Amino acid sequence: MTISKHKNKTLTVLICLLFGSLGAHRLYLYGKRDNFAWLHFMSLPISFLISKLYFNLNFFITFGPWMLSFLISILMCLVLGLKSDEHWDAQFNPHSGTKSASSWPLAILLVFSVGLGAISLLFVMARGFDLLYTGGAYG
């Protein structure tokens, strides 16, 4: 039995909250061979390329892949942070030798994740309906 490095749940949620749209949380959990981490990371250059090729399109449309990656990362913050410590250890720390003990910093990060996710989702819905029904007349 090999002893693997212990992965901290609070640190994972913090990385996911700050750099999740770039796939940093998946690189921390699964390593460099994770395809979804690279998909998250490629969303920003793809969005930048679309904005340069189609410069007359709205920002909301050209940076759509990055915004989708951001919303998915906020959802992953909540999914990863709300796992029980036993389930977390069984999935990510099966051979680490130490047990996870999450405390109040994780709860604070989850509250920030819910707030940021709600604000972001409301922005996306409001701007999407504005573009759909008025053609962007209100902004």
N, C-alpha and C. Protein backbone atom coordinates (compact mmCIF):
# COMPACT_ATOMS: atom_id res chain seq x y z
N MET A 1 0.84 -1.18 0.00
CA MET A 1 0.00 0.00 0.00
C MET A 1 0.89 1.24 0.00
N THR A 2 0.67 2.13 -0.95
CA THR A 2 1.44 3.36 -1.02
C THR A 2 0.68 4.48 -0.33
N ILE A 3 1.41 5.33 0.33
CA ILE A 3 0.80 6.48 1.01
C ILE A 3 0.78 7.64 0.03
N SER A 4 -0.42 8.17 -0.21
CA SER A 4 -0.55 9.29 -1.14
C SER A 4 -0.69 10.59 -0.36
N LYS A 5 -0.53 11.69 -1.06
CA LYS A 5 -0.61 13.00 -0.44
C LYS A 5 -2.06 13.30 -0.05
N HIS A 6 -2.24 13.85 1.14
CA HIS A 6 -3.59 14.18 1.64
C HIS A 6 -4.10 15.43 0.93
N LYS A 7 -5.32 15.36 0.43
CA LYS A 7 -5.94 16.50 -0.27
C LYS A 7 -6.94 17.16 0.68
N ASN A 8 -6.76 18.45 0.91
CA ASN A 8 -7.58 19.21 1.85
C ASN A 8 -8.83 19.73 1.16
N LYS A 9 -9.98 19.52 1.79
CA LYS A 9 -11.25 19.93 1.19
C LYS A 9 -11.40 21.45 1.19
N THR A 10 -10.99 22.12 2.27
CA THR A 10 -11.11 23.58 2.34
C THR A 10 -10.21 24.24 1.30
N LEU A 11 -9.00 23.75 1.14
CA LEU A 11 -8.10 24.29 0.12
C LEU A 11 -8.65 24.05 -1.28
N THR A 12 -9.26 22.91 -1.49
CA THR A 12 -9.86 22.61 -2.80
C THR A 12 -10.97 23.59 -3.12
N VAL A 13 -11.83 23.87 -2.15
CA VAL A 13 -12.93 24.81 -2.38
C VAL A 13 -12.39 26.22 -2.61
N LEU A 14 -11.35 26.62 -1.89
CA LEU A 14 -10.74 27.94 -2.10
C LEU A 14 -10.14 28.04 -3.50
N ILE A 15 -9.41 27.03 -3.93
CA ILE A 15 -8.84 27.02 -5.28
C ILE A 15 -9.96 27.06 -6.32
N CYS A 16 -11.01 26.31 -6.07
CA CYS A 16 -12.14 26.26 -7.00
C CYS A 16 -12.84 27.62 -7.08
N LEU A 17 -12.95 28.30 -5.95
CA LEU A 17 -13.60 29.60 -5.92
C LEU A 17 -12.77 30.66 -6.63
N LEU A 18 -11.45 30.64 -6.43
CA LEU A 18 -10.59 31.67 -7.01
C LEU A 18 -10.17 31.37 -8.45
N PHE A 19 -9.80 30.13 -8.72
CA PHE A 19 -9.23 29.79 -10.03
C PHE A 19 -9.96 28.63 -10.70
N GLY A 20 -11.21 28.41 -10.33
CA GLY A 20 -11.96 27.28 -10.86
C GLY A 20 -12.25 27.37 -12.34
N SER A 21 -12.44 28.58 -12.86
CA SER A 21 -12.73 28.71 -14.28
C SER A 21 -11.52 28.38 -15.14
N LEU A 22 -10.35 28.29 -14.53
CA LEU A 22 -9.15 27.88 -15.24
C LEU A 22 -8.82 26.40 -15.00
N GLY A 23 -9.63 25.72 -14.20
CA GLY A 23 -9.44 24.30 -13.96
C GLY A 23 -8.42 23.95 -12.90
N ALA A 24 -8.03 24.92 -12.07
CA ALA A 24 -6.99 24.67 -11.07
C ALA A 24 -7.42 23.65 -10.02
N HIS A 25 -8.69 23.64 -9.67
CA HIS A 25 -9.16 22.69 -8.67
C HIS A 25 -9.07 21.25 -9.19
N ARG A 26 -9.32 21.07 -10.47
CA ARG A 26 -9.22 19.73 -11.05
C ARG A 26 -7.76 19.30 -11.17
N LEU A 27 -6.86 20.24 -11.45
CA LEU A 27 -5.44 19.91 -11.47
C LEU A 27 -4.96 19.52 -10.08
N TYR A 28 -5.48 20.19 -9.05
CA TYR A 28 -5.11 19.84 -7.68
C TYR A 28 -5.62 18.45 -7.30
N LEU A 29 -6.85 18.14 -7.69
CA LEU A 29 -7.45 16.86 -7.29
C LEU A 29 -6.97 15.69 -8.13
N TYR A 30 -6.91 15.86 -9.45
CA TYR A 30 -6.67 14.73 -10.35
C TYR A 30 -5.32 14.76 -11.05
N GLY A 31 -4.63 15.88 -11.03
CA GLY A 31 -3.33 15.96 -11.68
C GLY A 31 -3.42 16.47 -13.11
N LYS A 32 -2.29 16.45 -13.79
CA LYS A 32 -2.18 17.01 -15.13
C LYS A 32 -2.85 16.17 -16.21
N ARG A 33 -3.21 14.96 -15.91
CA ARG A 33 -3.79 14.08 -16.92
C ARG A 33 -5.30 14.20 -17.03
N ASP A 34 -5.91 15.13 -16.27
CA ASP A 34 -7.36 15.29 -16.28
C ASP A 34 -7.78 16.13 -17.49
N ASN A 35 -8.59 15.55 -18.35
CA ASN A 35 -9.02 16.25 -19.57
C ASN A 35 -9.97 17.40 -19.28
N PHE A 36 -10.81 17.27 -18.26
CA PHE A 36 -11.74 18.34 -17.94
C PHE A 36 -11.02 19.57 -17.39
N ALA A 37 -9.89 19.38 -16.73
CA ALA A 37 -9.10 20.52 -16.27
C ALA A 37 -8.59 21.32 -17.46
N TRP A 38 -8.12 20.62 -18.47
CA TRP A 38 -7.62 21.31 -19.66
C TRP A 38 -8.76 21.93 -20.46
N LEU A 39 -9.93 21.33 -20.42
CA LEU A 39 -11.10 21.93 -21.07
C LEU A 39 -11.48 23.24 -20.38
N HIS A 40 -11.45 23.26 -19.04
CA HIS A 40 -11.68 24.50 -18.30
C HIS A 40 -10.63 25.54 -18.70
N PHE A 41 -9.37 25.11 -18.73
CA PHE A 41 -8.28 26.04 -19.02
C PHE A 41 -8.39 26.61 -20.44
N MET A 42 -8.80 25.80 -21.39
CA MET A 42 -8.88 26.25 -22.78
C MET A 42 -10.07 27.17 -23.05
N SER A 43 -11.01 27.27 -22.11
CA SER A 43 -12.17 28.12 -22.34
C SER A 43 -11.79 29.60 -22.44
N LEU A 44 -10.78 30.04 -21.70
CA LEU A 44 -10.37 31.45 -21.76
C LEU A 44 -9.68 31.79 -23.09
N PRO A 45 -8.68 31.01 -23.56
CA PRO A 45 -8.11 31.33 -24.88
C PRO A 45 -9.11 31.21 -26.02
N ILE A 46 -10.03 30.24 -25.93
CA ILE A 46 -11.05 30.11 -26.97
C ILE A 46 -11.95 31.33 -26.98
N SER A 47 -12.35 31.80 -25.80
CA SER A 47 -13.17 33.01 -25.72
C SER A 47 -12.43 34.22 -26.26
N PHE A 48 -11.14 34.33 -25.93
CA PHE A 48 -10.34 35.44 -26.43
C PHE A 48 -10.22 35.38 -27.95
N LEU A 49 -10.01 34.20 -28.49
CA LEU A 49 -9.90 34.03 -29.93
C LEU A 49 -11.21 34.39 -30.63
N ILE A 50 -12.34 33.96 -30.08
CA ILE A 50 -13.64 34.31 -30.65
C ILE A 50 -13.85 35.82 -30.62
N SER A 51 -13.43 36.46 -29.52
CA SER A 51 -13.62 37.92 -29.43
C SER A 51 -12.75 38.67 -30.43
N LYS A 52 -11.60 38.13 -30.79
CA LYS A 52 -10.74 38.79 -31.78
C LYS A 52 -11.19 38.50 -33.21
N LEU A 53 -11.70 37.30 -33.45
CA LEU A 53 -12.17 36.97 -34.80
C LEU A 53 -13.50 37.64 -35.12
N TYR A 54 -14.38 37.69 -34.14
CA TYR A 54 -15.71 38.28 -34.32
C TYR A 54 -15.84 39.46 -33.37
N PHE A 55 -15.09 40.52 -33.64
CA PHE A 55 -14.98 41.65 -32.71
C PHE A 55 -16.25 42.46 -32.59
N ASN A 56 -17.19 42.34 -33.53
CA ASN A 56 -18.41 43.12 -33.45
C ASN A 56 -19.51 42.41 -32.67
N LEU A 57 -19.27 41.19 -32.24
CA LEU A 57 -20.26 40.48 -31.43
C LEU A 57 -20.23 40.99 -30.00
N ASN A 58 -21.32 40.75 -29.31
CA ASN A 58 -21.44 41.17 -27.92
C ASN A 58 -20.48 40.39 -27.04
N PHE A 59 -20.01 41.05 -25.98
CA PHE A 59 -19.11 40.43 -25.01
C PHE A 59 -19.74 39.18 -24.39
N PHE A 60 -21.03 39.23 -24.19
CA PHE A 60 -21.75 38.11 -23.58
C PHE A 60 -21.67 36.86 -24.46
N ILE A 61 -21.66 37.04 -25.75
CA ILE A 61 -21.61 35.91 -26.67
C ILE A 61 -20.17 35.43 -26.87
N THR A 62 -19.25 36.35 -27.05
CA THR A 62 -17.87 35.95 -27.33
C THR A 62 -17.19 35.29 -26.12
N PHE A 63 -17.53 35.72 -24.93
CA PHE A 63 -16.93 35.11 -23.74
C PHE A 63 -17.86 34.09 -23.11
N GLY A 64 -18.77 33.54 -23.90
CA GLY A 64 -19.69 32.51 -23.44
C GLY A 64 -19.00 31.26 -22.92
N PRO A 65 -17.98 30.72 -23.62
CA PRO A 65 -17.31 29.52 -23.09
C PRO A 65 -16.66 29.75 -21.72
N TRP A 66 -16.06 30.92 -21.53
CA TRP A 66 -15.44 31.20 -20.23
C TRP A 66 -16.50 31.38 -19.15
N MET A 67 -17.62 32.06 -19.48
CA MET A 67 -18.69 32.24 -18.49
C MET A 67 -19.30 30.89 -18.10
N LEU A 68 -19.45 30.00 -19.06
CA LEU A 68 -19.96 28.67 -18.76
C LEU A 68 -19.00 27.91 -17.85
N SER A 69 -17.71 28.02 -18.12
CA SER A 69 -16.71 27.39 -17.28
C SER A 69 -16.74 27.97 -15.86
N PHE A 70 -16.95 29.27 -15.76
CA PHE A 70 -17.03 29.92 -14.44
C PHE A 70 -18.24 29.43 -13.65
N LEU A 71 -19.39 29.33 -14.31
CA LEU A 71 -20.59 28.86 -13.61
C LEU A 71 -20.45 27.39 -13.19
N ILE A 72 -19.82 26.58 -14.03
CA ILE A 72 -19.59 25.18 -13.67
C ILE A 72 -18.65 25.09 -12.48
N SER A 73 -17.64 25.95 -12.44
CA SER A 73 -16.70 25.90 -11.32
C SER A 73 -17.36 26.33 -10.01
N ILE A 74 -18.28 27.27 -10.06
CA ILE A 74 -19.01 27.66 -8.85
C ILE A 74 -19.87 26.50 -8.37
N LEU A 75 -20.51 25.80 -9.29
CA LEU A 75 -21.29 24.62 -8.92
C LEU A 75 -20.39 23.55 -8.31
N MET A 76 -19.21 23.37 -8.87
CA MET A 76 -18.28 22.38 -8.33
C MET A 76 -17.78 22.76 -6.94
N CYS A 77 -17.67 24.07 -6.66
CA CYS A 77 -17.32 24.50 -5.29
C CYS A 77 -18.33 23.96 -4.30
N LEU A 78 -19.59 24.09 -4.65
CA LEU A 78 -20.65 23.63 -3.76
C LEU A 78 -20.68 22.11 -3.66
N VAL A 79 -20.52 21.44 -4.79
CA VAL A 79 -20.56 19.97 -4.78
C VAL A 79 -19.40 19.41 -3.95
N LEU A 80 -18.21 19.94 -4.15
CA LEU A 80 -17.05 19.43 -3.42
C LEU A 80 -17.10 19.82 -1.95
N GLY A 81 -17.55 21.04 -1.66
CA GLY A 81 -17.56 21.50 -0.28
C GLY A 81 -18.63 20.87 0.58
N LEU A 82 -19.73 20.44 -0.03
CA LEU A 82 -20.83 19.85 0.74
C LEU A 82 -20.72 18.34 0.91
N LYS A 83 -19.66 17.74 0.38
CA LYS A 83 -19.45 16.31 0.62
C LYS A 83 -19.08 16.10 2.08
N SER A 84 -19.52 15.00 2.64
CA SER A 84 -19.12 14.68 4.01
C SER A 84 -17.63 14.35 4.03
N ASP A 85 -17.02 14.53 5.19
CA ASP A 85 -15.59 14.25 5.30
C ASP A 85 -15.28 12.78 5.03
N GLU A 86 -16.19 11.90 5.41
CA GLU A 86 -15.97 10.47 5.16
C GLU A 86 -16.00 10.16 3.66
N HIS A 87 -16.96 10.76 2.96
CA HIS A 87 -17.04 10.55 1.51
C HIS A 87 -15.85 11.19 0.82
N TRP A 88 -15.41 12.35 1.29
CA TRP A 88 -14.25 13.03 0.73
C TRP A 88 -13.00 12.16 0.86
N ASP A 89 -12.80 11.63 2.06
CA ASP A 89 -11.62 10.78 2.29
C ASP A 89 -11.68 9.50 1.47
N ALA A 90 -12.87 8.94 1.33
CA ALA A 90 -12.99 7.71 0.54
C ALA A 90 -12.70 7.97 -0.94
N GLN A 91 -13.05 9.15 -1.43
CA GLN A 91 -12.85 9.43 -2.85
C GLN A 91 -11.46 9.97 -3.16
N PHE A 92 -10.97 10.91 -2.36
CA PHE A 92 -9.72 11.60 -2.70
C PHE A 92 -8.53 11.24 -1.81
N ASN A 93 -8.78 10.67 -0.64
CA ASN A 93 -7.69 10.33 0.28
C ASN A 93 -7.78 8.89 0.77
N PRO A 94 -7.88 7.92 -0.12
CA PRO A 94 -8.05 6.55 0.36
C PRO A 94 -6.80 5.99 1.06
N HIS A 95 -5.62 6.45 0.69
CA HIS A 95 -4.39 5.90 1.26
C HIS A 95 -3.52 6.97 1.90
N SER A 96 -4.10 8.09 2.31
CA SER A 96 -3.27 9.17 2.85
C SER A 96 -2.86 8.94 4.30
N GLY A 97 -3.66 8.22 5.05
CA GLY A 97 -3.31 7.95 6.43
C GLY A 97 -3.86 8.95 7.43
N THR A 98 -4.40 10.07 6.97
CA THR A 98 -5.01 11.05 7.87
C THR A 98 -6.46 11.26 7.48
N LYS A 99 -7.25 11.69 8.45
CA LYS A 99 -8.67 11.93 8.20
C LYS A 99 -8.92 13.42 8.08
N SER A 100 -9.88 13.79 7.24
CA SER A 100 -10.25 15.19 7.07
C SER A 100 -11.12 15.65 8.23
N ALA A 101 -10.93 16.90 8.62
CA ALA A 101 -11.76 17.51 9.66
C ALA A 101 -12.06 18.94 9.23
N SER A 102 -13.13 19.13 8.50
CA SER A 102 -13.49 20.46 8.01
C SER A 102 -14.08 21.28 9.15
N SER A 103 -13.86 22.59 9.10
CA SER A 103 -14.39 23.46 10.16
C SER A 103 -14.97 24.72 9.54
N TRP A 104 -15.03 25.80 10.29
CA TRP A 104 -15.75 26.99 9.88
C TRP A 104 -15.19 27.69 8.64
N PRO A 105 -13.89 27.66 8.31
CA PRO A 105 -13.48 28.32 7.06
C PRO A 105 -14.17 27.74 5.82
N LEU A 106 -14.44 26.45 5.84
CA LEU A 106 -15.15 25.83 4.72
C LEU A 106 -16.56 26.40 4.62
N ALA A 107 -17.21 26.60 5.75
CA ALA A 107 -18.57 27.16 5.74
C ALA A 107 -18.58 28.58 5.19
N ILE A 108 -17.58 29.37 5.54
CA ILE A 108 -17.48 30.74 5.01
C ILE A 108 -17.27 30.71 3.50
N LEU A 109 -16.41 29.82 3.02
CA LEU A 109 -16.18 29.71 1.58
C LEU A 109 -17.43 29.25 0.85
N LEU A 110 -18.20 28.36 1.46
CA LEU A 110 -19.44 27.90 0.83
C LEU A 110 -20.47 29.02 0.76
N VAL A 111 -20.53 29.87 1.78
CA VAL A 111 -21.44 31.02 1.75
C VAL A 111 -21.04 31.97 0.62
N PHE A 112 -19.74 32.24 0.48
CA PHE A 112 -19.28 33.08 -0.63
C PHE A 112 -19.58 32.43 -1.98
N SER A 113 -19.46 31.12 -2.06
CA SER A 113 -19.75 30.41 -3.31
C SER A 113 -21.22 30.54 -3.69
N VAL A 114 -22.10 30.40 -2.71
CA VAL A 114 -23.53 30.53 -2.98
C VAL A 114 -23.85 31.96 -3.43
N GLY A 115 -23.29 32.95 -2.74
CA GLY A 115 -23.54 34.34 -3.12
C GLY A 115 -23.01 34.67 -4.50
N LEU A 116 -21.78 34.29 -4.78
CA LEU A 116 -21.20 34.56 -6.09
C LEU A 116 -21.93 33.81 -7.19
N GLY A 117 -22.33 32.58 -6.90
CA GLY A 117 -23.08 31.81 -7.89
C GLY A 117 -24.44 32.41 -8.19
N ALA A 118 -25.13 32.89 -7.15
CA ALA A 118 -26.44 33.50 -7.36
C ALA A 118 -26.32 34.79 -8.15
N ILE A 119 -25.35 35.62 -7.80
CA ILE A 119 -25.15 36.88 -8.53
C ILE A 119 -24.78 36.61 -9.98
N SER A 120 -23.89 35.66 -10.21
CA SER A 120 -23.46 35.35 -11.58
C SER A 120 -24.60 34.78 -12.41
N LEU A 121 -25.36 33.88 -11.83
CA LEU A 121 -26.47 33.28 -12.56
C LEU A 121 -27.55 34.31 -12.88
N LEU A 122 -27.83 35.21 -11.94
CA LEU A 122 -28.80 36.27 -12.21
C LEU A 122 -28.31 37.20 -13.31
N PHE A 123 -27.01 37.51 -13.31
CA PHE A 123 -26.45 38.36 -14.37
C PHE A 123 -26.58 37.68 -15.73
N VAL A 124 -26.24 36.41 -15.79
CA VAL A 124 -26.31 35.68 -17.07
C VAL A 124 -27.75 35.61 -17.56
N MET A 125 -28.68 35.34 -16.67
CA MET A 125 -30.09 35.26 -17.08
C MET A 125 -30.61 36.62 -17.52
N ALA A 126 -30.30 37.68 -16.77
CA ALA A 126 -30.79 39.01 -17.12
C ALA A 126 -30.21 39.48 -18.45
N ARG A 127 -28.91 39.30 -18.62
CA ARG A 127 -28.28 39.74 -19.87
C ARG A 127 -28.73 38.87 -21.05
N GLY A 128 -28.91 37.60 -20.81
CA GLY A 128 -29.38 36.71 -21.88
C GLY A 128 -30.78 37.09 -22.35
N PHE A 129 -31.69 37.35 -21.42
CA PHE A 129 -33.04 37.75 -21.81
C PHE A 129 -33.04 39.14 -22.44
N ASP A 130 -32.15 40.03 -21.99
CA ASP A 130 -32.04 41.35 -22.61
C ASP A 130 -31.61 41.21 -24.06
N LEU A 131 -30.62 40.38 -24.33
CA LEU A 131 -30.18 40.19 -25.71
C LEU A 131 -31.22 39.47 -26.55
N LEU A 132 -31.93 38.53 -25.94
CA LEU A 132 -32.91 37.75 -26.67
C LEU A 132 -34.12 38.58 -27.08
N TYR A 133 -34.64 39.38 -26.15
CA TYR A 133 -35.90 40.07 -26.41
C TYR A 133 -35.75 41.50 -26.92
N THR A 134 -34.65 42.18 -26.58
CA THR A 134 -34.51 43.58 -27.01
C THR A 134 -33.31 43.79 -27.92
N GLY A 135 -32.51 42.77 -28.12
CA GLY A 135 -31.32 42.93 -28.94
C GLY A 135 -30.22 43.70 -28.24
N GLY A 136 -30.29 43.79 -26.93
CA GLY A 136 -29.27 44.51 -26.16
C GLY A 136 -29.55 45.98 -26.04
N ALA A 137 -30.81 46.39 -26.14
CA ALA A 137 -31.15 47.81 -26.10
C ALA A 137 -30.89 48.44 -24.73
N TYR A 138 -30.85 47.64 -23.68
CA TYR A 138 -30.65 48.18 -22.34
C TYR A 138 -29.22 47.99 -21.84
N GLY A 139 -28.27 48.00 -22.72
CA GLY A 139 -26.90 47.88 -22.26
C GLY A 139 -26.03 47.36 -23.28
